[in-house]
Protein backbone atom coordinates (compact mmCIF):
# COMPACT_ATOMS: atom_id res chain seq x y z
CA MET A 1 0.00 0.00 0.00
CA PRO A 2 1.47 3.45 -0.94
CA VAL A 3 2.53 5.61 1.98
CA ASP A 4 0.61 8.86 2.48
CA LEU A 5 3.53 11.21 3.14
CA SER A 6 1.22 14.01 4.23
CA VAL A 7 0.50 12.24 7.53
CA ALA A 8 3.01 9.38 7.79
CA CYS A 9 5.41 9.40 10.75
CA VAL A 10 8.19 7.19 12.04
CA VAL A 11 9.74 6.79 15.48
CA GLY A 12 13.48 6.74 16.17
CA VAL A 13 14.79 5.45 19.50
CA ASP A 14 18.34 6.28 20.52
CA TYR A 15 19.88 4.22 23.33
CA GLY A 16 22.69 6.17 24.98
CA THR A 17 24.96 5.47 27.93
CA LEU A 18 22.61 6.76 30.62
CA SER A 19 19.23 7.12 28.95
CA GLY A 20 17.10 6.37 25.93
CA ARG A 21 15.46 9.03 23.75
CA ALA A 22 12.48 8.59 21.44
CA VAL A 23 11.55 11.08 18.71
CA VAL A 24 8.53 11.17 16.41
CA VAL A 25 9.50 12.34 12.92
CA ARG A 26 7.40 13.30 9.91
CA VAL A 27 8.35 11.17 6.92
CA ALA A 28 7.80 13.90 4.33
CA ASP A 29 10.46 16.31 5.54
CA GLY A 30 12.10 15.00 8.71
CA ALA A 31 10.36 17.46 11.01
CA GLU A 32 10.76 16.37 14.64
CA LEU A 33 7.27 16.55 16.10
CA GLY A 34 7.83 15.34 19.64
CA SER A 35 10.41 13.64 21.82
CA ALA A 36 10.90 12.18 25.28
CA VAL A 37 13.76 10.84 27.37
CA HIS A 38 13.80 8.03 29.91
CA ASP A 39 16.76 7.67 32.28
CA TYR A 40 17.93 4.14 33.02
CA SER A 41 16.97 3.44 36.62
CA HIS A 42 20.18 1.46 37.19
CA ALA A 43 22.38 3.84 35.17
CA VAL A 44 25.86 2.26 34.77
CA LEU A 45 27.06 -0.33 37.29
CA THR A 46 30.74 0.33 37.96
CA GLU A 47 31.10 -0.41 41.68
CA ALA A 48 28.56 -3.13 42.45
CA LEU A 49 25.58 -5.09 41.15
CA PRO A 50 22.07 -4.09 42.30
CA ASP A 51 22.32 -6.63 45.13
CA GLY A 52 25.64 -5.21 46.33
CA THR A 53 27.98 -7.76 44.75
CA PRO A 54 31.21 -5.81 44.19
CA LEU A 55 32.76 -5.26 40.77
CA GLY A 56 36.42 -4.99 39.82
CA HIS A 57 38.33 -2.15 38.19
CA ASP A 58 37.32 -1.09 34.68
CA TRP A 59 33.92 -2.81 34.84
CA ALA A 60 30.85 -1.13 33.34
CA LEU A 61 27.61 -3.10 33.33
CA GLN A 62 23.95 -2.39 32.69
CA VAL A 63 20.55 -3.96 33.38
CA PRO A 64 18.61 -4.96 30.23
CA SER A 65 15.17 -4.21 31.69
CA ASP A 66 16.20 -0.54 31.62
CA TYR A 67 16.23 -0.75 27.83
CA VAL A 68 12.69 -2.14 27.69
CA ASP A 69 11.55 0.65 30.01
CA VAL A 70 12.56 3.16 27.33
CA LEU A 71 10.03 1.51 25.02
CA LYS A 72 7.38 1.57 27.74
CA TYR A 73 7.86 5.17 28.84
CA ALA A 74 9.79 7.28 26.31
CA VAL A 75 7.97 6.14 23.18
CA PRO A 76 4.40 6.78 24.49
CA ALA A 77 5.57 10.11 25.96
CA ALA A 78 7.07 11.14 22.61
CA LEU A 79 3.82 10.23 20.83
CA TYR A 80 1.86 12.32 23.32
CA ALA A 81 4.26 15.26 22.91
CA ALA A 82 3.95 15.03 19.13
CA GLY A 83 0.17 14.99 19.23
CA VAL A 84 -0.01 12.57 16.32
CA ASP A 85 -2.40 9.69 15.77
CA PRO A 86 -0.37 6.51 16.46
CA ALA A 87 -2.11 4.95 13.46
CA HIS A 88 -0.05 7.28 11.26
CA VAL A 89 3.24 5.74 12.46
CA ILE A 90 4.53 3.36 9.78
CA GLY A 91 7.84 2.24 11.24
CA VAL A 92 10.28 2.34 14.12
CA GLY A 93 14.08 2.31 14.12
CA THR A 94 16.58 1.98 16.94
CA ASP A 95 20.25 2.62 17.55
CA PHE A 96 22.54 1.68 20.41
CA THR A 97 25.89 2.31 21.99
CA ALA A 98 28.42 -0.26 20.83
CA CYS A 99 29.93 -2.60 21.62
CA THR A 100 27.34 -3.38 24.33
CA MET A 101 26.87 -7.13 24.85
CA VAL A 102 23.97 -9.10 26.34
CA PRO A 103 24.44 -12.77 27.34
CA THR A 104 21.12 -14.53 26.75
CA LEU A 105 19.36 -17.86 26.63
CA ALA A 106 18.25 -19.22 23.25
CA ASP A 107 14.97 -17.30 23.47
CA GLY A 108 16.67 -13.97 24.20
CA THR A 109 16.12 -13.94 27.97
CA PRO A 110 19.08 -12.10 29.53
CA LEU A 111 21.06 -14.27 31.94
CA SER A 112 20.93 -11.56 34.60
CA GLU A 113 17.11 -11.80 34.75
CA LEU A 114 17.27 -15.37 36.06
CA PRO A 115 17.37 -15.54 39.89
CA GLU A 116 20.23 -18.02 39.92
CA TRP A 117 22.42 -15.58 37.96
CA SER A 118 21.44 -12.24 39.51
CA SER A 119 24.56 -12.10 41.71
CA ARG A 120 27.01 -13.03 38.92
CA PRO A 121 28.64 -9.98 37.27
CA HIS A 122 29.27 -11.81 34.01
CA ALA A 123 25.53 -12.44 33.61
CA TYR A 124 24.89 -8.72 33.07
CA VAL A 125 25.17 -6.49 30.03
CA LYS A 126 28.75 -5.41 29.34
CA LEU A 127 28.46 -1.75 28.32
CA TRP A 128 30.66 -0.31 25.58
CA LYS A 129 33.03 1.23 28.13
CA HIS A 130 33.61 -2.02 30.02
CA HIS A 131 37.41 -2.22 29.73
CA ALA A 132 38.15 -5.14 32.04
CA ALA A 133 38.78 -7.40 29.04
CA GLN A 134 42.02 -5.64 28.10
CA PRO A 135 44.21 -8.70 28.91
CA GLN A 136 42.06 -10.78 26.55
CA ALA A 137 42.27 -8.07 23.86
CA ASP A 138 46.06 -8.04 24.21
CA ARG A 139 46.19 -11.80 23.59
CA ILE A 140 43.85 -11.57 20.60
CA ASN A 141 46.07 -8.92 19.06
CA GLU A 142 49.31 -10.77 19.77
CA LEU A 143 48.03 -14.02 18.30
CA ALA A 144 46.43 -12.36 15.27
CA ALA A 145 49.70 -10.57 14.49
CA LYS A 146 51.70 -13.77 14.99
CA ARG A 147 49.43 -15.75 12.67
CA GLY A 148 49.15 -12.96 10.13
CA GLU A 149 45.37 -12.91 10.29
CA PRO A 150 44.18 -10.92 7.25
CA TRP A 151 41.31 -9.29 9.11
CA LEU A 152 43.56 -7.51 11.61
CA ALA A 153 44.50 -4.71 9.20
CA ARG A 154 40.81 -3.91 8.70
CA TYR A 155 40.79 -2.77 12.34
CA GLY A 156 43.88 -0.62 12.23
CA GLY A 157 46.05 -3.47 13.49
CA LEU A 158 44.43 -3.79 16.91
CA ILE A 159 41.21 -5.25 18.32
CA SER A 160 39.69 -3.28 21.20
CA SER A 161 38.88 -4.56 24.67
CA GLU A 162 35.45 -3.00 24.12
CA TRP A 163 34.50 -5.45 21.37
CA GLU A 164 32.65 -8.74 21.16
CA PHE A 165 35.50 -11.24 21.12
CA ALA A 166 37.56 -9.76 23.96
CA LYS A 167 34.48 -9.51 26.18
CA GLY A 168 33.39 -13.01 25.20
CA LEU A 169 36.80 -14.46 26.02
CA GLN A 170 36.74 -12.71 29.39
CA LEU A 171 33.33 -14.26 30.06
CA LEU A 172 34.70 -17.74 29.28
CA GLU A 173 37.85 -17.41 31.33
CA GLU A 174 36.45 -15.67 34.40
CA ASP A 175 33.04 -17.38 34.66
CA PRO A 176 32.99 -20.61 32.60
CA ALA A 177 29.56 -21.54 33.98
CA ALA A 178 28.04 -18.27 32.78
CA TYR A 179 29.72 -18.78 29.42
CA ALA A 180 28.22 -22.27 29.16
CA ALA A 181 24.78 -20.95 30.06
CA THR A 182 25.00 -18.23 27.39
CA ALA A 183 23.30 -19.53 24.26
CA ARG A 184 23.54 -16.22 22.39
CA TRP A 185 26.14 -13.45 22.73
CA VAL A 186 24.01 -10.55 21.50
CA GLU A 187 24.75 -6.93 20.66
CA ALA A 188 22.27 -4.76 22.53
CA ALA A 189 21.43 -3.12 19.19
CA ASP A 190 20.10 -6.48 18.03
CA TRP A 191 18.65 -7.52 21.38
CA ILE A 192 16.25 -4.55 21.48
CA VAL A 193 15.09 -5.30 17.92
CA TRP A 194 14.58 -8.91 19.04
CA GLN A 195 12.27 -7.59 21.78
CA LEU A 196 10.35 -5.52 19.24
CA THR A 197 9.94 -8.18 16.55
CA GLY A 198 10.28 -11.51 18.32
CA SER A 199 13.07 -12.53 15.91
CA TYR A 200 16.85 -12.25 16.16
CA VAL A 201 18.64 -10.62 13.22
CA ARG A 202 22.26 -9.45 13.48
CA ASN A 203 22.87 -6.03 11.98
CA ALA A 204 25.66 -5.68 9.45
CA CYS A 205 27.11 -2.67 11.25
CA THR A 206 28.01 -4.16 14.63
CA ALA A 207 28.82 -7.54 13.09
CA GLY A 208 31.43 -5.83 10.93
CA TYR A 209 32.87 -3.26 13.32
CA LYS A 210 32.59 -5.03 16.68
CA GLY A 211 32.24 -8.69 15.67
CA ILE A 212 35.29 -8.89 13.36
CA ARG A 213 33.15 -10.03 10.42
CA GLN A 214 34.90 -9.37 7.10
CA GLU A 215 34.13 -10.80 3.65
CA GLY A 216 31.27 -12.74 5.26
CA GLN A 217 33.55 -14.52 7.73
CA TYR A 218 34.39 -14.25 11.44
CA PRO A 219 37.79 -15.27 12.88
CA SER A 220 38.34 -18.98 12.30
CA ALA A 221 37.73 -21.77 14.79
CA GLU A 222 41.45 -22.57 14.56
CA PHE A 223 42.34 -19.06 15.68
CA LEU A 224 39.84 -19.17 18.54
CA LYS A 225 41.06 -22.59 19.66
CA GLU A 226 44.62 -21.30 19.86
CA LEU A 227 43.41 -18.48 22.11
CA ASN A 228 41.69 -20.97 24.39
CA PRO A 229 40.60 -24.52 23.47
CA ALA A 230 37.18 -23.91 25.04
CA PHE A 231 36.72 -20.84 22.80
CA GLU A 232 36.92 -22.81 19.55
CA ASN A 233 33.18 -22.84 18.84
CA PHE A 234 32.41 -19.32 20.13
CA VAL A 235 31.28 -18.12 16.68
CA ALA A 236 29.32 -21.23 15.73
CA ASP A 237 27.64 -21.65 19.10
CA LYS A 238 27.03 -18.10 20.33
CA VAL A 239 27.63 -15.45 17.66
CA GLU A 240 26.65 -16.53 14.16
CA GLN A 241 23.19 -15.41 13.06
CA PRO A 242 21.50 -14.18 9.84
CA ILE A 243 22.72 -10.68 8.89
CA GLY A 244 20.32 -7.81 8.25
CA GLN A 245 21.43 -4.94 6.00
CA LEU A 246 21.09 -1.37 7.26
CA GLY A 247 17.84 0.32 6.31
CA ASN A 248 16.06 -3.00 5.74
CA SER A 249 13.22 -4.35 7.83
CA ALA A 250 14.13 -6.83 10.56
CA GLY A 251 10.49 -7.79 11.03
CA THR A 252 7.29 -6.25 12.28
CA LEU A 253 6.15 -4.99 15.66
CA THR A 254 4.69 -7.72 17.88
CA ALA A 255 1.50 -7.37 19.89
CA GLN A 256 3.52 -7.24 23.10
CA ALA A 257 5.81 -4.49 21.82
CA ALA A 258 2.78 -2.59 20.47
CA ALA A 259 1.31 -2.68 23.99
CA TRP A 260 4.57 -1.36 25.45
CA THR A 261 4.94 1.49 22.99
CA GLY A 262 1.43 2.47 21.93
CA LEU A 263 2.46 1.92 18.29
CA PRO A 264 0.43 -0.12 15.80
CA GLU A 265 1.08 -3.84 15.72
CA GLY A 266 2.63 -5.01 12.47
CA ILE A 267 4.53 -1.84 11.47
CA ALA A 268 8.08 -2.19 10.12
CA VAL A 269 11.01 -2.41 12.55
CA ALA A 270 14.33 -1.42 11.01
CA VAL A 271 17.44 -3.56 11.36
CA GLY A 272 19.41 -2.39 14.41
CA ASN A 273 22.26 0.04 14.14
CA VAL A 274 24.91 1.96 16.07
CA ASP A 275 24.25 5.47 17.37
CA ALA A 276 27.16 7.01 15.49
CA HIS A 277 26.53 5.33 12.17
CA VAL A 278 22.86 6.27 11.88
CA THR A 279 23.81 9.89 12.52
CA SER A 280 25.55 10.13 9.14
CA ALA A 281 22.14 9.87 7.47
CA ALA A 282 20.67 12.48 9.82
CA ALA A 283 23.49 14.89 8.93
CA LYS A 284 23.24 14.27 5.18
CA ALA A 285 26.83 13.05 5.31
CA LEU A 286 26.84 9.89 3.25
CA ASP A 287 29.38 10.87 0.57
CA PRO A 288 33.09 9.92 0.76
CA GLY A 289 35.18 12.28 2.88
CA GLN A 290 32.35 13.63 5.05
CA MET A 291 33.39 12.82 8.62
CA VAL A 292 30.69 12.98 11.27
CA ALA A 293 31.85 13.30 14.88
CA ILE A 294 29.16 12.37 17.38
CA MET A 295 30.36 14.26 20.43
CA GLY A 296 28.98 13.35 23.83
CA THR A 297 30.39 11.38 26.74
CA SER A 298 32.70 9.90 24.12
CA THR A 299 33.17 10.76 20.45
CA CYS A 300 32.73 8.44 17.52
CA HIS A 301 34.05 9.47 14.11
CA VAL A 302 32.43 7.87 11.07
CA MET A 303 33.00 8.47 7.38
CA ASN A 304 32.41 6.78 4.04
CA GLY A 305 35.07 6.04 1.45
CA ASP A 306 34.80 4.65 -2.06
CA GLU A 307 37.63 2.17 -1.54
CA VAL A 308 39.09 0.14 1.30
CA ARG A 309 42.27 1.42 2.95
CA GLU A 310 44.19 0.34 6.02
CA VAL A 311 44.13 3.17 8.56
CA PRO A 312 46.28 2.60 11.67
CA GLY A 313 44.23 2.53 14.86
CA MET A 314 40.83 2.85 13.22
CA CYS A 315 37.96 0.96 14.82
CA GLY A 316 37.23 -0.70 11.51
CA VAL A 317 36.31 -0.42 7.87
CA VAL A 318 33.24 -2.33 6.73
CA ASP A 319 31.64 -2.73 3.30
CA GLY A 320 28.23 -1.08 3.66
CA GLY A 321 28.91 -0.37 7.32
CA ILE A 322 27.19 3.03 7.09
CA VAL A 323 25.38 2.98 3.75
CA ALA A 324 25.18 0.48 0.93
CA GLY A 325 27.76 0.78 -1.82
CA LEU A 326 30.54 2.47 0.14
CA TRP A 327 33.16 1.46 2.71
CA GLY A 328 32.28 2.79 6.14
CA TYR A 329 35.18 3.85 8.38
CA GLU A 330 35.00 4.30 12.15
CA ALA A 331 37.34 5.77 14.73
CA GLY A 332 36.72 7.23 18.15
CA GLN A 333 37.76 8.75 21.45
CA SER A 334 36.77 6.81 24.58
CA GLY A 335 36.35 9.91 26.71
CA VAL A 336 35.34 13.48 25.83
CA GLY A 337 32.31 14.84 27.68
CA ASP A 338 33.04 12.28 30.41
CA ILE A 339 36.39 13.98 30.99
CA PHE A 340 34.86 17.42 31.42
CA GLY A 341 32.11 16.01 33.61
CA HIS A 342 34.54 14.17 35.87
CA TYR A 343 36.64 17.30 36.33
CA VAL A 344 33.67 19.52 37.18
CA ALA A 345 32.18 16.93 39.53
CA ASN A 346 35.31 17.03 41.67
CA LEU A 347 35.69 20.82 41.86
CA GLY A 348 32.85 21.75 44.16
CA ALA A 349 29.32 23.06 43.80
CA GLU A 350 30.34 26.62 42.92
CA TRP A 351 31.98 25.43 39.68
CA THR A 352 29.80 24.63 36.69
CA HIS A 353 30.45 23.93 33.02
CA GLU A 354 28.93 27.31 32.20
CA ARG A 355 31.19 29.22 34.59
CA LEU A 356 34.33 27.37 33.53
CA THR A 357 33.49 27.86 29.87
CA SER A 358 32.92 31.58 30.39
CA LEU A 359 36.28 32.01 32.14
CA ALA A 360 38.13 29.80 29.65
CA ALA A 361 36.70 31.77 26.74
CA GLN A 362 38.51 34.88 28.00
CA GLN A 363 41.89 33.24 27.37
CA LYS A 364 43.96 33.13 24.23
CA PRO A 365 45.27 29.80 22.94
CA GLY A 366 48.40 28.87 24.92
CA GLN A 367 47.81 31.46 27.62
CA HIS A 368 47.30 28.91 30.41
CA GLY A 369 50.66 27.22 29.76
CA LEU A 370 49.17 23.71 29.90
CA ILE A 371 48.84 20.68 27.71
CA ALA A 372 46.88 17.51 28.48
CA LEU A 373 46.42 14.01 27.14
CA ASP A 374 42.77 13.02 26.73
CA TRP A 375 43.10 9.39 27.84
CA HIS A 376 41.13 9.45 31.09
CA ASN A 377 39.01 6.58 29.72
CA GLY A 378 41.79 5.02 27.68
CA ASN A 379 42.54 5.63 24.01
CA ARG A 380 40.29 4.15 21.34
CA SER A 381 41.93 5.69 18.27
CA VAL A 382 44.58 5.66 17.11
CA LEU A 383 46.41 3.74 19.87
CA VAL A 384 43.61 1.31 20.81
CA ASP A 385 44.75 0.94 24.42
CA ALA A 386 42.34 1.06 27.35
CA GLU A 387 45.27 0.94 29.80
CA LEU A 388 46.34 4.49 28.98
CA SER A 389 45.32 7.32 31.32
CA GLY A 390 45.14 11.11 31.49
CA LEU A 391 48.06 13.49 31.84
CA LEU A 392 48.42 17.21 32.57
CA VAL A 393 51.72 19.01 31.90
CA GLY A 394 52.60 22.57 32.88
CA GLU A 395 50.57 23.00 36.08
CA THR A 396 51.95 25.60 38.51
CA LEU A 397 50.79 27.28 41.71
CA ALA A 398 49.19 29.92 39.49
CA THR A 399 47.05 27.41 37.56
CA LYS A 400 43.30 27.96 37.95
CA PRO A 401 40.36 25.59 37.36
CA ALA A 402 39.36 27.31 34.12
CA ASP A 403 42.91 26.83 32.79
CA ILE A 404 42.67 23.08 33.25
CA TYR A 405 39.15 23.00 31.85
CA ARG A 406 40.28 24.70 28.65
CA ALA A 407 43.33 22.44 28.42
CA LEU A 408 41.06 19.39 28.63
CA ILE A 409 38.86 20.72 25.84
CA GLU A 410 41.96 21.36 23.74
CA ALA A 411 43.27 17.85 24.49
CA THR A 412 40.12 16.27 23.07
CA ALA A 413 40.44 18.50 19.99
CA PHE A 414 44.06 17.39 19.58
CA GLY A 415 42.89 13.78 19.84
CA THR A 416 40.40 14.39 17.05
CA ARG A 417 43.10 16.03 14.92
CA LYS A 418 45.29 12.95 15.42
CA ILE A 419 42.46 10.83 14.02
CA VAL A 420 41.81 13.18 11.07
CA GLU A 421 45.51 13.32 10.16
CA THR A 422 45.90 9.54 10.44
CA PHE A 423 43.04 9.04 8.00
CA GLY A 424 44.56 11.55 5.59
CA GLU A 425 48.00 9.93 5.76
CA ALA A 426 46.38 6.57 4.94
CA GLY A 427 44.76 7.93 1.79
CA VAL A 428 41.29 8.56 3.21
CA PRO A 429 41.14 12.38 3.35
CA VAL A 430 38.57 14.21 5.45
CA ARG A 431 36.97 16.82 3.19
CA GLU A 432 34.27 18.04 5.58
CA PHE A 433 34.00 17.78 9.37
CA ILE A 434 30.43 17.66 10.70
CA ALA A 435 29.78 17.77 14.43
CA ALA A 436 26.79 16.20 16.14
CA GLY A 437 25.80 15.39 19.71
CA GLY A 438 25.31 17.18 23.00
CA LEU A 439 28.61 19.08 23.00
CA LEU A 440 27.49 21.26 20.07
CA LYS A 441 25.90 23.57 22.63
CA ASN A 442 29.34 24.68 23.86
CA GLU A 443 30.38 27.39 21.40
CA LEU A 444 33.88 27.70 22.87
CA LEU A 445 34.49 24.00 22.36
CA MET A 446 33.28 24.17 18.76
CA GLN A 447 35.55 27.12 17.97
CA ILE A 448 38.54 25.41 19.58
CA TYR A 449 37.92 22.35 17.41
CA ALA A 450 37.74 24.50 14.27
CA ASP A 451 41.00 26.23 15.23
CA VAL A 452 42.82 23.01 16.17
CA LEU A 453 41.69 21.20 13.02
CA ASN A 454 42.20 24.38 10.98
CA MET A 455 39.09 23.61 8.95
CA PRO A 456 35.46 24.77 9.00
CA LEU A 457 32.99 22.89 11.19
CA SER A 458 29.54 22.04 9.89
CA LEU A 459 26.81 21.19 12.39
CA ILE A 460 23.99 18.70 12.22
CA GLY A 461 20.68 20.56 12.23
CA SER A 462 19.15 18.47 15.00
CA ASP A 463 19.60 18.15 18.75
CA GLN A 464 18.96 14.42 18.52
CA GLY A 465 20.96 13.19 15.56
CA PRO A 466 21.02 9.46 16.35
CA ALA A 467 17.27 9.32 16.99
CA LEU A 468 16.63 11.23 13.75
CA GLY A 469 19.00 8.86 11.94
CA SER A 470 17.11 5.86 13.32
CA ALA A 471 13.85 7.43 12.16
CA ILE A 472 15.33 7.85 8.67
CA HIS A 473 16.27 4.16 8.62
CA ALA A 474 12.74 3.34 9.80
CA ALA A 475 11.29 5.30 6.87
CA ALA A 476 13.45 3.29 4.45
CA ALA A 477 12.52 0.02 6.17
CA ALA A 478 8.83 0.90 5.90
CA GLY A 479 9.13 1.55 2.16
CA ALA A 480 8.46 5.28 2.29
CA TYR A 481 11.71 5.82 0.37
CA PRO A 482 13.61 3.42 -1.89
CA ASP A 483 16.70 3.45 0.32
CA VAL A 484 18.51 5.24 3.14
CA ARG A 485 20.15 7.74 0.78
CA ALA A 486 16.81 8.93 -0.54
CA ALA A 487 15.33 9.09 2.96
CA ALA A 488 18.33 11.05 4.24
CA ALA A 489 18.10 13.55 1.38
CA ALA A 490 14.50 14.31 2.32
CA MET A 491 14.65 14.00 6.11
CA GLY A 492 18.23 14.87 7.16
CA ARG A 493 19.52 18.34 8.01
CA VAL A 494 22.87 20.10 8.27
CA GLU A 495 24.26 23.64 8.58
CA ARG A 496 27.47 24.07 6.58
CA SER A 497 30.64 25.79 7.85
CA VAL A 498 29.10 27.30 10.98
CA TYR A 499 32.47 27.67 12.72
CA ARG A 500 35.54 28.83 10.79
CA PRO A 501 39.14 28.68 12.03
CA ASP A 502 40.91 31.82 13.20
CA PRO A 503 44.35 31.85 11.50
CA ALA A 504 46.20 33.29 14.51
CA SER A 505 44.70 30.74 16.89
CA ALA A 506 45.32 27.93 14.43
CA ALA A 507 49.01 28.85 14.27
CA ILE A 508 49.39 28.65 18.06
CA TYR A 509 47.52 25.37 18.14
CA ASP A 510 49.92 23.99 15.53
CA GLU A 511 52.73 24.56 18.05
CA LEU A 512 50.77 23.04 20.92
CA TYR A 513 49.70 20.08 18.82
CA ALA A 514 53.33 19.30 18.08
CA GLU A 515 53.91 18.96 21.83
CA TYR A 516 50.73 16.92 22.23
CA SER A 517 51.99 14.58 19.51
CA ALA A 518 55.34 14.17 21.25
CA LEU A 519 53.62 13.24 24.52
CA HIS A 520 51.12 11.06 22.62
CA ASP A 521 53.89 8.95 21.10
CA TYR A 522 56.12 8.88 24.20
CA PHE A 523 53.45 7.59 26.57
CA GLY A 524 51.25 5.84 24.02
CA ARG A 525 53.64 3.93 21.76
CA GLY A 526 55.78 2.14 24.33
CA ALA A 527 58.68 4.48 25.13
CA ASN A 528 57.30 4.97 28.63
CA ARG A 529 54.86 2.39 29.98
CA VAL A 530 54.23 4.10 33.31
CA MET A 531 50.46 4.30 32.71
CA ARG A 532 50.19 0.53 32.27
CA LYS A 533 52.47 -0.07 35.27
CA LEU A 534 50.29 2.12 37.47
CA ARG A 535 47.22 0.16 36.40
CA ALA A 536 48.95 -3.11 37.22
CA ILE A 537 49.94 -1.89 40.68
CA GLN A 538 46.39 -0.64 41.25
CA ARG A 539 44.94 -4.04 40.40
CA LYS A 540 47.48 -5.83 42.58
CA VAL A 541 46.83 -3.82 45.73
CA SER A 542 43.06 -3.79 45.15
CA ALA A 543 42.69 -7.52 44.55
């Protein structure tokens, strides 16, 4: 049946680190008619499980029922805010943080929801920023390099501790019983679609970027057996599943999910996706060389290319990983907004982001005499090392809080420049830089990024880019447009070159970036391993 674009709407649901956001979008032009947010009641578990069971260092877990609550509360609230007839909604799309892993039974029931597993940390969702699998990631990388595994170069030469295989190997080695009870090792992006449709379809995006799936194949059973004999059948037993292409329908909304959401039973549910990758469609940034940086607690950098290249330290390059017909590249920074938030939280009530930003904006580049490394949550790109940590150089008795705050902003900008330059050196030039996410509201930060990168910054024309991107994919899945490109052209939005670099500031930042790069290589490439040694001592005394 043809879609009546004059009334048709879609719903996009964006699952973030601390909350889920639903937005109702008009199919004809992408107008955002209403939205709502639901905070996860359990937030992120870093110290203990809900029953008090303690967690170790670098753990970050979540409770899967919090994700279903977003469907029950945020979606109906967004429909109410939009004032639309639910009967006019033709599809729903979702996106998720990645790599966020859910251990489940064969029917999709999370292990943590079973009473006998509720006190076992490994039964819970491992959030993207769970870094406790770094030892397993190190072994995966060492063995892959030793064996000359061809897929390793597709991930910049290193597999992250955040990804499916490292977390799965940690599950096996630290809780073999939980591993045995896990019938499916499921990306949360696919788990939530499973709850909506009643069927399990793996999305091509997370399978490629986080599941080491290249040319239709995962790492071999021989490779996995050499890592650990009990890991040999990890792919066959727990990972492998039919792959859904981005923008396609994964199924239709079940009666149960319709009751949760207030949406019509039987409407299209788009194949799952990652928050960063759907944002490219929302920002009309699907052509080669258009890099979208989704800037929030962390930053993910995604960009299409018309050919495959090996970029050191990238998170991956996947055929059709962002849009069909092009190679999708991903890189990222593990901490950005989290770094600023952590600093402000420890200053005292009188200090706020607004006050620090106002004071920092009165300074010239280089005036504070500081330089920082932005590794407070490890380094995702281009070093791929969760054991690295933050550093501040130049602090004196005259240093003030706003000085450090500005230096931390600059450090994250330097980290982004390192990524941009690495892509360019590998033959994948960045021709346009488009910012999205919550940090767009900080004008000082945006100008610093333009000056550090020495290139104009375009901005996505939406406050909720991932949710809009998911809605665009829903429109394609529902057949309102022939594909994601056509849907993005009609429904996406972007403001070009909003921030332009100041030549004088850019020149100073060139000097500071040279020092950042020297520190980056000294502490990050093995010349000085003090950060890893400190982590090891911390684990030893805390055991």
